[in-house]
């Protein structure tokens, strides 16, 4: 049988090529270079490739909050944080009500430098008076290239905060005594008695202006009247211990600031704070109201 010469040459060439690549059979030969780019199997990344894979953008190194209980017109809380990376970062604080998703207040802190620790006062008045309640305080930010603030592995980006408009006027143990309307010779009791150990600190339920610091031997003893800030109420503190009053008429004081100590001066049968709330000016056109509901509410969080 006659065979075409060209056909014989093609068959001979095909027999010379192995059925599978040499690298797959475990024999010799040259490995087929990858066609998808990058490095080969088990080959170390180049410096350029490692940099490209590393997350970019500013980094939050630390975040903390002092005073997890904040009172309106009281001593401010301090928010401290530190940023890493290049360039300034525009930072925002978000106050999210507990259990909610959306913030009720966003505080823009502007651009902040990196590699320094920042400390910011938080009063609850930023953008208006914050409603009472429990919040989650979160920090967020972006650099000038629009890259979001990332959190370091051991850093937190949030803190819990509770905010209140008033606090209880005593800082120690107490018990409720005679209440509003209790009979007195020739009049009715116009406040609430809080029995406590003599020397127990008496503090301002809310910041404001001291309207009076007086003494009445046959009645209130050493007493102080506080015109509260941002509301039409006067608060009155009676029977304070002699020599304990540390505020003066006309002085501006903050929520929680010490006024004096529990005593038994004036017409008093034992150490206690006689506390009154007046709607409007005290004894100058105002009217006394029962302080017990407010005291119970303030006691629940103070």
C-alpha atoms as a PDB file:
ATOM      1  CA  UNK A   1       0.000   0.000   0.000  1.00  0.00           C
ATOM      2  CA  UNK A   2       1.390   3.369  -0.938  1.00  0.00           C
ATOM      3  CA  UNK A   3       1.501   6.131   1.779  1.00  0.00           C
ATOM      4  CA  UNK A   4       1.682   9.827   1.149  1.00  0.00           C
ATOM      5  CA  UNK A   5       5.077  11.173   2.248  1.00  0.00           C
ATOM      6  CA  UNK A   6       3.609  14.249   3.960  1.00  0.00           C
ATOM      7  CA  UNK A   7       1.207  12.061   5.976  1.00  0.00           C
ATOM      8  CA  UNK A   8       4.093   9.924   7.266  1.00  0.00           C
ATOM      9  CA  UNK A   9       5.985  13.005   8.412  1.00  0.00           C
ATOM     10  CA  UNK A  10       2.952  14.336  10.355  1.00  0.00           C
ATOM     11  CA  UNK A  11       2.456  10.989  12.142  1.00  0.00           C
ATOM     12  CA  UNK A  12       6.087  10.886  13.157  1.00  0.00           C
ATOM     13  CA  UNK A  13       5.935  14.389  14.599  1.00  0.00           C
ATOM     14  CA  UNK A  14       2.796  13.611  16.661  1.00  0.00           C
ATOM     15  CA  UNK A  15       4.430  10.510  18.179  1.00  0.00           C
ATOM     16  CA  UNK A  16       7.354  12.630  19.393  1.00  0.00           C
ATOM     17  CA  UNK A  17       5.117  14.879  21.597  1.00  0.00           C
ATOM     18  CA  UNK A  18       4.051  13.379  24.997  1.00  0.00           C
ATOM     19  CA  UNK A  19       0.310  13.012  25.725  1.00  0.00           C
ATOM     20  CA  UNK A  20       0.526  15.322  28.810  1.00  0.00           C
ATOM     21  CA  UNK A  21       2.930  18.096  29.848  1.00  0.00           C
ATOM     22  CA  UNK A  22       6.144  17.018  31.491  1.00  0.00           C
ATOM     23  CA  UNK A  23       5.382  19.063  34.651  1.00  0.00           C
ATOM     24  CA  UNK A  24       2.093  17.196  35.096  1.00  0.00           C
ATOM     25  CA  UNK A  25       3.695  13.758  34.777  1.00  0.00           C
ATOM     26  CA  UNK A  26       6.350  14.537  37.332  1.00  0.00           C
ATOM     27  CA  UNK A  27       9.158  14.279  34.816  1.00  0.00           C
ATOM     28  CA  UNK A  28      11.508  16.930  33.531  1.00  0.00           C
ATOM     29  CA  UNK A  29      10.674  19.791  31.283  1.00  0.00           C
ATOM     30  CA  UNK A  30       9.814  23.404  31.898  1.00  0.00           C
ATOM     31  CA  UNK A  31       6.784  24.528  33.962  1.00  0.00           C
ATOM     32  CA  UNK A  32       4.094  26.341  32.084  1.00  0.00           C
ATOM     33  CA  UNK A  33       4.165  30.002  33.130  1.00  0.00           C
ATOM     34  CA  UNK A  34       0.961  31.342  34.710  1.00  0.00           C
ATOM     35  CA  UNK A  35      -1.300  33.284  32.386  1.00  0.00           C
ATOM     36  CA  UNK A  36      -3.345  35.154  35.025  1.00  0.00           C
ATOM     37  CA  UNK A  37      -0.586  37.434  36.376  1.00  0.00           C
ATOM     38  CA  UNK A  38       0.622  37.697  40.000  1.00  0.00           C
ATOM     39  CA  UNK A  39       3.184  35.410  41.586  1.00  0.00           C
ATOM     40  CA  UNK A  40       3.579  31.716  41.162  1.00  0.00           C
ATOM     41  CA  UNK A  41       2.453  29.059  43.639  1.00  0.00           C
ATOM     42  CA  UNK A  42       4.024  29.586  47.079  1.00  0.00           C
ATOM     43  CA  UNK A  43       6.013  32.535  45.790  1.00  0.00           C
ATOM     44  CA  UNK A  44       6.358  35.515  48.210  1.00  0.00           C
ATOM     45  CA  UNK A  45       4.467  38.721  47.411  1.00  0.00           C
ATOM     46  CA  UNK A  46       6.508  41.598  46.121  1.00  0.00           C
ATOM     47  CA  UNK A  47       6.567  44.802  48.189  1.00  0.00           C
ATOM     48  CA  UNK A  48       4.336  46.521  45.635  1.00  0.00           C
ATOM     49  CA  UNK A  49       1.774  43.704  45.730  1.00  0.00           C
ATOM     50  CA  UNK A  50       1.711  43.571  49.561  1.00  0.00           C
ATOM     51  CA  UNK A  51       1.084  47.317  49.716  1.00  0.00           C
ATOM     52  CA  UNK A  52      -1.750  47.036  47.221  1.00  0.00           C
ATOM     53  CA  UNK A  53      -3.491  44.362  49.298  1.00  0.00           C
ATOM     54  CA  UNK A  54      -3.112  46.204  52.628  1.00  0.00           C
ATOM     55  CA  UNK A  55      -6.272  48.171  53.675  1.00  0.00           C
ATOM     56  CA  UNK A  56      -5.884  51.891  53.114  1.00  0.00           C
ATOM     57  CA  UNK A  57      -7.363  54.943  54.780  1.00  0.00           C
ATOM     58  CA  UNK A  58      -7.234  56.498  58.262  1.00  0.00           C
ATOM     59  CA  UNK A  59      -7.183  54.328  61.373  1.00  0.00           C
ATOM     60  CA  UNK A  60      -8.856  54.834  64.770  1.00  0.00           C
ATOM     61  CA  UNK A  61      -6.221  53.850  67.335  1.00  0.00           C
ATOM     62  CA  UNK A  62      -8.217  54.594  70.515  1.00  0.00           C
ATOM     63  CA  UNK A  63     -11.607  55.947  71.619  1.00  0.00           C
ATOM     64  CA  UNK A  64     -12.947  56.502  75.138  1.00  0.00           C
ATOM     65  CA  UNK A  65     -15.601  58.444  77.074  1.00  0.00           C
ATOM     66  CA  UNK A  66     -15.454  59.758  80.638  1.00  0.00           C
ATOM     67  CA  UNK A  67     -18.667  60.179  82.653  1.00  0.00           C
ATOM     68  CA  UNK A  68     -21.043  57.634  81.136  1.00  0.00           C
ATOM     69  CA  UNK A  69     -23.810  59.507  83.048  1.00  0.00           C
ATOM     70  CA  UNK A  70     -24.134  63.069  81.775  1.00  0.00           C
ATOM     71  CA  UNK A  71     -26.430  65.696  83.312  1.00  0.00           C
ATOM     72  CA  UNK A  72     -27.773  68.764  81.539  1.00  0.00           C
ATOM     73  CA  UNK A  73     -25.912  71.905  82.697  1.00  0.00           C
ATOM     74  CA  UNK A  74     -23.577  69.675  84.684  1.00  0.00           C
ATOM     75  CA  UNK A  75     -19.904  68.865  84.364  1.00  0.00           C
ATOM     76  CA  UNK A  76     -19.222  67.891  80.727  1.00  0.00           C
ATOM     77  CA  UNK A  77     -18.072  64.472  79.651  1.00  0.00           C
ATOM     78  CA  UNK A  78     -14.809  64.120  77.729  1.00  0.00           C
ATOM     79  CA  UNK A  79     -14.465  62.221  74.474  1.00  0.00           C
ATOM     80  CA  UNK A  80     -10.861  61.200  73.729  1.00  0.00           C
ATOM     81  CA  UNK A  81      -9.612  59.604  70.516  1.00  0.00           C
ATOM     82  CA  UNK A  82      -6.434  59.098  68.507  1.00  0.00           C
ATOM     83  CA  UNK A  83      -6.090  58.724  64.737  1.00  0.00           C
ATOM     84  CA  UNK A  84      -3.363  57.130  62.628  1.00  0.00           C
ATOM     85  CA  UNK A  85      -2.551  57.468  58.952  1.00  0.00           C
ATOM     86  CA  UNK A  86      -1.808  60.333  56.602  1.00  0.00           C
ATOM     87  CA  UNK A  87      -3.502  63.663  56.349  1.00  0.00           C
ATOM     88  CA  UNK A  88      -6.363  65.168  58.371  1.00  0.00           C
ATOM     89  CA  UNK A  89      -9.600  63.271  58.979  1.00  0.00           C
ATOM     90  CA  UNK A  90     -13.044  64.860  59.182  1.00  0.00           C
ATOM     91  CA  UNK A  91     -14.525  63.374  62.363  1.00  0.00           C
ATOM     92  CA  UNK A  92     -18.162  63.092  63.425  1.00  0.00           C
ATOM     93  CA  UNK A  93     -19.756  61.867  66.645  1.00  0.00           C
ATOM     94  CA  UNK A  94     -23.149  60.161  66.369  1.00  0.00           C
ATOM     95  CA  UNK A  95     -25.594  59.767  69.250  1.00  0.00           C
ATOM     96  CA  UNK A  96     -27.886  56.807  68.569  1.00  0.00           C
ATOM     97  CA  UNK A  97     -30.747  56.043  71.013  1.00  0.00           C
ATOM     98  CA  UNK A  98     -30.428  52.645  72.633  1.00  0.00           C
ATOM     99  CA  UNK A  99     -32.185  50.083  70.425  1.00  0.00           C
ATOM    100  CA  UNK A 100     -32.426  52.404  67.414  1.00  0.00           C
ATOM    101  CA  UNK A 101     -30.431  52.502  64.201  1.00  0.00           C
ATOM    102  CA  UNK A 102     -30.446  56.152  63.216  1.00  0.00           C
ATOM    103  CA  UNK A 103     -28.722  58.887  65.209  1.00  0.00           C
ATOM    104  CA  UNK A 104     -30.723  61.715  66.753  1.00  0.00           C
ATOM    105  CA  UNK A 105     -27.681  63.968  66.848  1.00  0.00           C
ATOM    106  CA  UNK A 106     -24.573  64.198  64.649  1.00  0.00           C
ATOM    107  CA  UNK A 107     -21.757  66.375  65.988  1.00  0.00           C
ATOM    108  CA  UNK A 108     -19.281  67.508  63.329  1.00  0.00           C
ATOM    109  CA  UNK A 109     -15.835  67.960  64.872  1.00  0.00           C
ATOM    110  CA  UNK A 110     -14.247  69.162  61.638  1.00  0.00           C
ATOM    111  CA  UNK A 111     -10.855  68.004  60.385  1.00  0.00           C
ATOM    112  CA  UNK A 112      -8.560  66.470  62.985  1.00  0.00           C
ATOM    113  CA  UNK A 113      -4.861  65.709  62.706  1.00  0.00           C
ATOM    114  CA  UNK A 114      -3.514  62.202  62.893  1.00  0.00           C
ATOM    115  CA  UNK A 115      -0.878  60.900  65.314  1.00  0.00           C
ATOM    116  CA  UNK A 116      -2.147  63.094  68.184  1.00  0.00           C
ATOM    117  CA  UNK A 117      -4.705  62.424  70.932  1.00  0.00           C
ATOM    118  CA  UNK A 118      -7.796  64.639  70.778  1.00  0.00           C
ATOM    119  CA  UNK A 119     -10.086  65.511  73.713  1.00  0.00           C
ATOM    120  CA  UNK A 120     -13.536  67.033  73.148  1.00  0.00           C
ATOM    121  CA  UNK A 121     -16.138  68.217  75.692  1.00  0.00           C
ATOM    122  CA  UNK A 122     -19.621  66.751  75.423  1.00  0.00           C
ATOM    123  CA  UNK A 123     -22.436  68.641  77.198  1.00  0.00           C
ATOM    124  CA  UNK A 124     -25.651  67.337  75.619  1.00  0.00           C
ATOM    125  CA  UNK A 125     -26.375  70.831  74.277  1.00  0.00           C
ATOM    126  CA  UNK A 126     -24.656  70.337  70.925  1.00  0.00           C
ATOM    127  CA  UNK A 127     -27.264  71.229  68.292  1.00  0.00           C
ATOM    128  CA  UNK A 128     -29.969  71.733  70.942  1.00  0.00           C
ATOM    129  CA  UNK A 129     -30.860  70.017  74.195  1.00  0.00           C
ATOM    130  CA  UNK A 130     -30.528  66.255  73.861  1.00  0.00           C
ATOM    131  CA  UNK A 131     -33.612  64.304  75.017  1.00  0.00           C
ATOM    132  CA  UNK A 132     -33.228  62.242  78.176  1.00  0.00           C
ATOM    133  CA  UNK A 133     -32.349  58.596  77.671  1.00  0.00           C
ATOM    134  CA  UNK A 134     -29.691  55.983  76.965  1.00  0.00           C
ATOM    135  CA  UNK A 135     -27.476  56.337  73.905  1.00  0.00           C
ATOM    136  CA  UNK A 136     -24.658  54.693  72.004  1.00  0.00           C
ATOM    137  CA  UNK A 137     -21.991  57.241  71.120  1.00  0.00           C
ATOM    138  CA  UNK A 138     -20.204  56.348  67.869  1.00  0.00           C
ATOM    139  CA  UNK A 139     -17.271  57.918  66.073  1.00  0.00           C
ATOM    140  CA  UNK A 140     -16.890  58.030  62.291  1.00  0.00           C
ATOM    141  CA  UNK A 141     -14.779  59.946  59.796  1.00  0.00           C
ATOM    142  CA  UNK A 142     -13.338  60.287  56.301  1.00  0.00           C
ATOM    143  CA  UNK A 143     -10.098  61.664  54.949  1.00  0.00           C
ATOM    144  CA  UNK A 144      -9.804  64.089  52.025  1.00  0.00           C
ATOM    145  CA  UNK A 145      -9.758  61.188  49.563  1.00  0.00           C
ATOM    146  CA  UNK A 146     -13.111  59.960  50.852  1.00  0.00           C
ATOM    147  CA  UNK A 147     -11.721  56.896  52.626  1.00  0.00           C
ATOM    148  CA  UNK A 148     -13.659  55.877  55.750  1.00  0.00           C
ATOM    149  CA  UNK A 149     -12.200  55.633  59.235  1.00  0.00           C
ATOM    150  CA  UNK A 150     -11.170  52.086  60.081  1.00  0.00           C
ATOM    151  CA  UNK A 151     -10.886  50.687  63.624  1.00  0.00           C
ATOM    152  CA  UNK A 152      -7.676  49.177  64.997  1.00  0.00           C
ATOM    153  CA  UNK A 153      -8.092  45.556  66.218  1.00  0.00           C
ATOM    154  CA  UNK A 154      -8.003  46.487  69.918  1.00  0.00           C
ATOM    155  CA  UNK A 155      -9.813  49.821  69.650  1.00  0.00           C
ATOM    156  CA  UNK A 156     -13.519  50.425  70.190  1.00  0.00           C
ATOM    157  CA  UNK A 157     -15.492  52.843  68.036  1.00  0.00           C
ATOM    158  CA  UNK A 158     -18.445  53.316  70.406  1.00  0.00           C
ATOM    159  CA  UNK A 159     -19.345  53.930  74.073  1.00  0.00           C
ATOM    160  CA  UNK A 160     -22.527  53.896  76.152  1.00  0.00           C
ATOM    161  CA  UNK A 161     -23.930  57.179  77.462  1.00  0.00           C
ATOM    162  CA  UNK A 162     -26.929  58.057  79.661  1.00  0.00           C
ATOM    163  CA  UNK A 163     -28.191  61.638  79.630  1.00  0.00           C
ATOM    164  CA  UNK A 164     -30.551  63.298  82.135  1.00  0.00           C
ATOM    165  CA  UNK A 165     -31.943  66.796  82.692  1.00  0.00           C
ATOM    166  CA  UNK A 166     -31.957  66.634  86.531  1.00  0.00           C
ATOM    167  CA  UNK A 167     -30.340  64.733  89.352  1.00  0.00           C
ATOM    168  CA  UNK A 168     -31.325  63.894  92.920  1.00  0.00           C
ATOM    169  CA  UNK A 169     -30.422  66.621  95.468  1.00  0.00           C
ATOM    170  CA  UNK A 170     -28.711  64.248  97.947  1.00  0.00           C
ATOM    171  CA  UNK A 171     -25.606  62.116  97.377  1.00  0.00           C
ATOM    172  CA  UNK A 172     -26.066  59.690 100.259  1.00  0.00           C
ATOM    173  CA  UNK A 173     -28.633  57.414 101.879  1.00  0.00           C
ATOM    174  CA  UNK A 174     -31.965  58.954 102.811  1.00  0.00           C
ATOM    175  CA  UNK A 175     -35.611  58.192 103.547  1.00  0.00           C
ATOM    176  CA  UNK A 176     -38.797  60.048 102.685  1.00  0.00           C
ATOM    177  CA  UNK A 177     -40.463  61.956 105.529  1.00  0.00           C
ATOM    178  CA  UNK A 178     -43.393  64.366 105.654  1.00  0.00           C
ATOM    179  CA  UNK A 179     -44.724  65.190 102.207  1.00  0.00           C
ATOM    180  CA  UNK A 180     -46.429  68.009 100.420  1.00  0.00           C
ATOM    181  CA  UNK A 181     -49.602  69.216 102.150  1.00  0.00           C
ATOM    182  CA  UNK A 182     -48.859  67.728 105.568  1.00  0.00           C
ATOM    183  CA  UNK A 183     -50.476  69.868 108.320  1.00  0.00           C
ATOM    184  CA  UNK A 184     -48.328  72.456 110.055  1.00  0.00           C
ATOM    185  CA  UNK A 185     -49.340  75.091 112.673  1.00  0.00           C
ATOM    186  CA  UNK A 186     -51.148  77.738 110.656  1.00  0.00           C
ATOM    187  CA  UNK A 187     -50.236  76.368 107.215  1.00  0.00           C
ATOM    188  CA  UNK A 188     -49.591  73.308 105.098  1.00  0.00           C
ATOM    189  CA  UNK A 189     -46.234  71.682 104.355  1.00  0.00           C
ATOM    190  CA  UNK A 190     -45.033  73.087 101.030  1.00  0.00           C
ATOM    191  CA  UNK A 191     -42.284  70.598 100.266  1.00  0.00           C
ATOM    192  CA  UNK A 192     -40.888  67.124 100.845  1.00  0.00           C
ATOM    193  CA  UNK A 193     -38.707  66.112 103.786  1.00  0.00           C
ATOM    194  CA  UNK A 194     -35.715  63.849 103.058  1.00  0.00           C
ATOM    195  CA  UNK A 195     -34.246  62.426 106.262  1.00  0.00           C
ATOM    196  CA  UNK A 196     -30.492  61.788 106.080  1.00  0.00           C
ATOM    197  CA  UNK A 197     -27.395  61.714 108.262  1.00  0.00           C
ATOM    198  CA  UNK A 198     -26.173  65.184 109.175  1.00  0.00           C
ATOM    199  CA  UNK A 199     -23.382  66.196 106.798  1.00  0.00           C
ATOM    200  CA  UNK A 200     -24.812  64.383 103.775  1.00  0.00           C
ATOM    201  CA  UNK A 201     -23.964  66.582 100.746  1.00  0.00           C
ATOM    202  CA  UNK A 202     -26.822  68.569  99.180  1.00  0.00           C
ATOM    203  CA  UNK A 203     -26.344  69.229  95.447  1.00  0.00           C
ATOM    204  CA  UNK A 204     -28.140  71.198  92.730  1.00  0.00           C
ATOM    205  CA  UNK A 205     -30.767  69.164  90.868  1.00  0.00           C
ATOM    206  CA  UNK A 206     -30.161  71.435  87.880  1.00  0.00           C
ATOM    207  CA  UNK A 207     -27.775  74.221  87.025  1.00  0.00           C
ATOM    208  CA  UNK A 208     -28.847  77.810  87.469  1.00  0.00           C
ATOM    209  CA  UNK A 209     -28.398  80.993  89.485  1.00  0.00           C
ATOM    210  CA  UNK A 210     -28.409  81.177  93.281  1.00  0.00           C
ATOM    211  CA  UNK A 211     -31.296  83.556  94.032  1.00  0.00           C
ATOM    212  CA  UNK A 212     -30.951  83.664  97.838  1.00  0.00           C
ATOM    213  CA  UNK A 213     -28.743  82.494 100.705  1.00  0.00           C
ATOM    214  CA  UNK A 214     -30.506  83.296 103.983  1.00  0.00           C
ATOM    215  CA  UNK A 215     -31.081  82.257 107.598  1.00  0.00           C
ATOM    216  CA  UNK A 216     -34.440  82.018 109.420  1.00  0.00           C
ATOM    217  CA  UNK A 217     -34.108  81.060 113.081  1.00  0.00           C
ATOM    218  CA  UNK A 218     -37.769  80.163 113.671  1.00  0.00           C
ATOM    219  CA  UNK A 219     -38.345  78.305 110.420  1.00  0.00           C
ATOM    220  CA  UNK A 220     -36.112  77.301 107.510  1.00  0.00           C
ATOM    221  CA  UNK A 221     -32.788  77.729 109.318  1.00  0.00           C
ATOM    222  CA  UNK A 222     -29.953  78.085 106.803  1.00  0.00           C
ATOM    223  CA  UNK A 223     -31.531  77.878 103.370  1.00  0.00           C
ATOM    224  CA  UNK A 224     -30.725  78.418  99.689  1.00  0.00           C
ATOM    225  CA  UNK A 225     -33.002  79.265  96.739  1.00  0.00           C
ATOM    226  CA  UNK A 226     -31.883  78.223  93.233  1.00  0.00           C
ATOM    227  CA  UNK A 227     -33.389  79.724  90.071  1.00  0.00           C
ATOM    228  CA  UNK A 228     -32.959  76.829  87.641  1.00  0.00           C
ATOM    229  CA  UNK A 229     -31.693  77.334  84.112  1.00  0.00           C
ATOM    230  CA  UNK A 230     -33.881  76.741  81.067  1.00  0.00           C
ATOM    231  CA  UNK A 231     -37.134  76.232  83.008  1.00  0.00           C
ATOM    232  CA  UNK A 232     -39.483  78.324  85.128  1.00  0.00           C
ATOM    233  CA  UNK A 233     -38.789  76.641  88.478  1.00  0.00           C
ATOM    234  CA  UNK A 234     -37.147  77.641  91.732  1.00  0.00           C
ATOM    235  CA  UNK A 235     -35.696  74.964  94.025  1.00  0.00           C
ATOM    236  CA  UNK A 236     -35.439  75.561  97.777  1.00  0.00           C
ATOM    237  CA  UNK A 237     -33.141  73.754 100.258  1.00  0.00           C
ATOM    238  CA  UNK A 238     -33.831  74.260 103.983  1.00  0.00           C
ATOM    239  CA  UNK A 239     -32.348  73.349 107.393  1.00  0.00           C
ATOM    240  CA  UNK A 240     -28.780  73.185 106.017  1.00  0.00           C
ATOM    241  CA  UNK A 241     -25.997  72.580 108.512  1.00  0.00           C
ATOM    242  CA  UNK A 242     -24.416  75.715 109.940  1.00  0.00           C
ATOM    243  CA  UNK A 243     -21.231  76.682 108.116  1.00  0.00           C
ATOM    244  CA  UNK A 244     -21.791  74.181 105.292  1.00  0.00           C
ATOM    245  CA  UNK A 245     -23.224  76.486 102.612  1.00  0.00           C
ATOM    246  CA  UNK A 246     -20.615  76.951  99.856  1.00  0.00           C
ATOM    247  CA  UNK A 247     -22.546  79.081  97.346  1.00  0.00           C
ATOM    248  CA  UNK A 248     -23.341  82.796  97.277  1.00  0.00           C
ATOM    249  CA  UNK A 249     -26.260  84.845  96.006  1.00  0.00           C
ATOM    250  CA  UNK A 250     -25.912  85.575  92.286  1.00  0.00           C
ATOM    251  CA  UNK A 251     -23.503  82.688  91.695  1.00  0.00           C
ATOM    252  CA  UNK A 252     -23.921  80.497  88.608  1.00  0.00           C
ATOM    253  CA  UNK A 253     -23.733  76.816  89.534  1.00  0.00           C
ATOM    254  CA  UNK A 254     -23.945  73.579  87.546  1.00  0.00           C
ATOM    255  CA  UNK A 255     -26.096  70.484  87.966  1.00  0.00           C
ATOM    256  CA  UNK A 256     -24.669  68.287  90.714  1.00  0.00           C
ATOM    257  CA  UNK A 257     -22.605  71.074  92.271  1.00  0.00           C
ATOM    258  CA  UNK A 258     -22.539  71.027  96.070  1.00  0.00           C
ATOM    259  CA  UNK A 259     -24.708  73.630  97.801  1.00  0.00           C
ATOM    260  CA  UNK A 260     -24.241  72.623 101.434  1.00  0.00           C
ATOM    261  CA  UNK A 261     -24.878  69.737 103.832  1.00  0.00           C
ATOM    262  CA  UNK A 262     -27.905  68.231 105.516  1.00  0.00           C
ATOM    263  CA  UNK A 263     -28.428  69.770 108.958  1.00  0.00           C
ATOM    264  CA  UNK A 264     -31.091  70.540 111.524  1.00  0.00           C
ATOM    265  CA  UNK A 265     -31.020  74.338 111.785  1.00  0.00           C
ATOM    266  CA  UNK A 266     -34.110  76.455 112.374  1.00  0.00           C
ATOM    267  CA  UNK A 267     -37.410  74.796 113.338  1.00  0.00           C
ATOM    268  CA  UNK A 268     -36.282  71.225 112.821  1.00  0.00           C
ATOM    269  CA  UNK A 269     -36.766  68.085 114.888  1.00  0.00           C
ATOM    270  CA  UNK A 270     -33.773  66.242 113.391  1.00  0.00           C
ATOM    271  CA  UNK A 271     -31.332  66.156 110.440  1.00  0.00           C
ATOM    272  CA  UNK A 272     -33.166  66.337 107.124  1.00  0.00           C
ATOM    273  CA  UNK A 273     -33.441  68.321 103.919  1.00  0.00           C
ATOM    274  CA  UNK A 274     -36.711  70.161 103.411  1.00  0.00           C
ATOM    275  CA  UNK A 275     -36.934  70.479  99.616  1.00  0.00           C
ATOM    276  CA  UNK A 276     -39.418  72.630  97.686  1.00  0.00           C
ATOM    277  CA  UNK A 277     -40.202  73.214  94.001  1.00  0.00           C
ATOM    278  CA  UNK A 278     -41.901  76.443  92.992  1.00  0.00           C
ATOM    279  CA  UNK A 279     -43.454  77.112  89.585  1.00  0.00           C
ATOM    280  CA  UNK A 280     -42.370  80.680  89.089  1.00  0.00           C
ATOM    281  CA  UNK A 281     -40.418  82.789  91.611  1.00  0.00           C
ATOM    282  CA  UNK A 282     -40.272  81.582  95.206  1.00  0.00           C
ATOM    283  CA  UNK A 283     -42.673  83.637  97.373  1.00  0.00           C
ATOM    284  CA  UNK A 284     -42.899  86.347  94.683  1.00  0.00           C
ATOM    285  CA  UNK A 285     -45.865  85.307  92.593  1.00  0.00           C
ATOM    286  CA  UNK A 286     -44.943  81.639  92.189  1.00  0.00           C
ATOM    287  CA  UNK A 287     -46.804  78.571  93.420  1.00  0.00           C
ATOM    288  CA  UNK A 288     -45.383  75.542  95.305  1.00  0.00           C
ATOM    289  CA  UNK A 289     -45.896  72.149  93.657  1.00  0.00           C
ATOM    290  CA  UNK A 290     -45.515  68.643  95.038  1.00  0.00           C
ATOM    291  CA  UNK A 291     -41.843  67.655  94.521  1.00  0.00           C
ATOM    292  CA  UNK A 292     -42.337  63.943  95.251  1.00  0.00           C
ATOM    293  CA  UNK A 293     -42.952  62.752  91.643  1.00  0.00           C
ATOM    294  CA  UNK A 294     -39.849  64.586  90.454  1.00  0.00           C
ATOM    295  CA  UNK A 295     -37.748  63.314  93.360  1.00  0.00           C
ATOM    296  CA  UNK A 296     -38.746  59.697  92.693  1.00  0.00           C
ATOM    297  CA  UNK A 297     -37.881  60.057  89.007  1.00  0.00           C
ATOM    298  CA  UNK A 298     -34.512  61.696  89.737  1.00  0.00           C
ATOM    299  CA  UNK A 299     -33.708  59.057  92.357  1.00  0.00           C
ATOM    300  CA  UNK A 300     -34.273  56.270  89.814  1.00  0.00           C
ATOM    301  CA  UNK A 301     -31.227  57.315  87.772  1.00  0.00           C
ATOM    302  CA  UNK A 302     -29.101  59.304  90.235  1.00  0.00           C
END
